[in-house]
């Protein structure tokens, strides 16, 4: 677990320094380590959300959406489809979809996020 958190912190530091190649490498290492420790899916979700944000900032919408979708599915499996913790991931996905020109799907996600309890 410490490896995952260390890689995530390292990725944050690399992003702050605009060293995007190293940030991506650290995020992928964090994801790999978190996946091996699958007993704690929250670490996988954290790594996926950071990776999604990273790819979104880099203009790689397809990859950003894929990582966010994976995070959303993991959260749904762990917490249930109506848990309020899904809201930030859904809204992030809606942002990427809107920027990708997929406004109908983005609006569907925004509506679903608004209807989550909590």
Protein backbone atom coordinates (compact mmCIF):
# COMPACT_ATOMS: atom_id res chain seq x y z
CA UNK A 1 0.00 0.00 0.00
CA UNK A 2 2.87 2.37 0.76
CA UNK A 3 4.23 1.82 -2.77
CA UNK A 4 0.94 3.02 -4.24
CA UNK A 5 0.81 6.15 -2.13
CA UNK A 6 4.48 6.87 -2.81
CA UNK A 7 3.94 6.60 -6.57
CA UNK A 8 0.86 8.85 -6.36
CA UNK A 9 2.77 11.48 -4.39
CA UNK A 10 5.66 11.23 -6.83
CA UNK A 11 3.25 11.72 -9.73
CA UNK A 12 1.80 14.84 -8.08
CA UNK A 13 5.31 16.24 -7.68
CA UNK A 14 6.22 15.50 -11.30
CA UNK A 15 2.99 17.14 -12.51
CA UNK A 16 3.74 20.23 -10.44
CA UNK A 17 7.13 20.40 -12.17
CA UNK A 18 5.50 19.89 -15.60
CA UNK A 19 7.44 16.63 -16.01
CA UNK A 20 4.52 14.84 -17.62
CA UNK A 21 6.41 11.79 -18.89
CA UNK A 22 7.62 10.99 -15.38
CA UNK A 23 4.19 11.78 -13.92
CA UNK A 24 2.53 9.33 -16.30
CA UNK A 25 5.11 6.65 -15.48
CA UNK A 26 4.52 7.15 -11.73
CA UNK A 27 0.75 7.00 -12.17
CA UNK A 28 0.99 3.80 -14.17
CA UNK A 29 3.26 2.28 -11.52
CA UNK A 30 0.76 3.29 -8.84
CA UNK A 31 -2.05 1.70 -10.81
CA UNK A 32 -0.06 -1.50 -11.28
CA UNK A 33 0.79 -1.67 -7.57
CA UNK A 34 -2.79 -0.87 -6.54
CA UNK A 35 -4.16 -3.55 -8.86
CA UNK A 36 -1.86 -6.11 -7.25
CA UNK A 37 -3.25 -5.06 -3.84
CA UNK A 38 -6.80 -5.41 -5.12
CA UNK A 39 -8.05 -6.04 -1.59
CA UNK A 40 -8.30 -2.24 -1.34
CA UNK A 41 -10.09 -1.01 -4.47
CA UNK A 42 -10.04 2.56 -3.16
CA UNK A 43 -6.34 2.73 -4.04
CA UNK A 44 -7.07 1.54 -7.57
CA UNK A 45 -9.84 4.13 -7.87
CA UNK A 46 -7.55 6.91 -6.61
CA UNK A 47 -4.87 5.95 -9.12
CA UNK A 48 -7.42 5.75 -11.94
CA UNK A 49 -8.91 9.13 -11.06
CA UNK A 50 -5.48 10.75 -11.05
CA UNK A 51 -4.60 9.05 -14.32
CA UNK A 52 -7.89 10.22 -15.83
CA UNK A 53 -7.21 13.79 -14.76
CA UNK A 54 -3.68 13.59 -16.10
CA UNK A 55 -4.80 12.34 -19.51
CA UNK A 56 -7.57 14.93 -19.59
CA UNK A 57 -5.08 17.72 -18.94
CA UNK A 58 -2.91 16.36 -21.73
CA UNK A 59 -5.85 16.44 -24.14
CA UNK A 60 -6.06 12.65 -24.39
CA UNK A 61 -9.82 12.45 -23.87
CA UNK A 62 -10.25 8.82 -24.97
CA UNK A 63 -7.71 7.63 -22.41
CA UNK A 64 -9.10 9.97 -19.73
CA UNK A 65 -12.59 8.57 -20.30
CA UNK A 66 -11.37 4.98 -20.20
CA UNK A 67 -9.63 5.46 -16.85
CA UNK A 68 -12.61 7.32 -15.35
CA UNK A 69 -15.01 4.63 -16.59
CA UNK A 70 -12.89 1.95 -14.94
CA UNK A 71 -12.87 3.93 -11.68
CA UNK A 72 -16.65 4.34 -11.87
CA UNK A 73 -17.21 0.62 -12.39
CA UNK A 74 -14.97 -0.24 -9.43
CA UNK A 75 -16.83 2.22 -7.22
CA UNK A 76 -20.20 0.88 -8.31
CA UNK A 77 -19.09 -2.68 -7.54
CA UNK A 78 -17.80 -1.69 -4.12
CA UNK A 79 -20.39 0.86 -2.99
CA UNK A 80 -23.46 0.29 -5.15
CA UNK A 81 -24.82 2.17 -8.14
CA UNK A 82 -26.53 4.90 -6.09
CA UNK A 83 -23.73 5.82 -3.68
CA UNK A 84 -22.89 9.56 -3.56
CA UNK A 85 -19.15 8.80 -3.84
CA UNK A 86 -19.79 8.11 -7.53
CA UNK A 87 -20.76 11.74 -8.17
CA UNK A 88 -17.24 13.24 -8.63
CA UNK A 89 -16.20 10.50 -11.06
CA UNK A 90 -19.43 10.88 -13.02
CA UNK A 91 -18.99 14.64 -13.23
CA UNK A 92 -15.38 14.26 -14.34
CA UNK A 93 -16.51 11.87 -17.05
CA UNK A 94 -19.22 14.34 -18.08
CA UNK A 95 -16.57 17.05 -18.45
CA UNK A 96 -14.42 14.86 -20.71
CA UNK A 97 -17.47 13.81 -22.75
CA UNK A 98 -18.55 17.43 -23.22
CA UNK A 99 -15.06 18.41 -24.35
CA UNK A 100 -15.14 15.44 -26.71
CA UNK A 101 -18.44 16.65 -28.22
CA UNK A 102 -20.54 13.86 -26.69
CA UNK A 103 -23.01 16.21 -25.03
CA UNK A 104 -25.97 13.81 -24.83
CA UNK A 105 -23.95 11.24 -22.88
CA UNK A 106 -22.45 14.01 -20.74
CA UNK A 107 -25.92 15.29 -19.87
CA UNK A 108 -27.05 11.74 -19.02
CA UNK A 109 -24.17 11.38 -16.56
CA UNK A 110 -24.76 14.82 -15.04
CA UNK A 111 -28.43 13.98 -14.51
CA UNK A 112 -27.57 10.62 -12.98
CA UNK A 113 -25.00 12.29 -10.68
CA UNK A 114 -27.57 14.85 -9.57
CA UNK A 115 -29.98 12.08 -8.59
CA UNK A 116 -27.55 10.20 -6.36
CA UNK A 117 -28.61 10.14 -2.73
CA UNK A 118 -26.53 11.94 -0.16
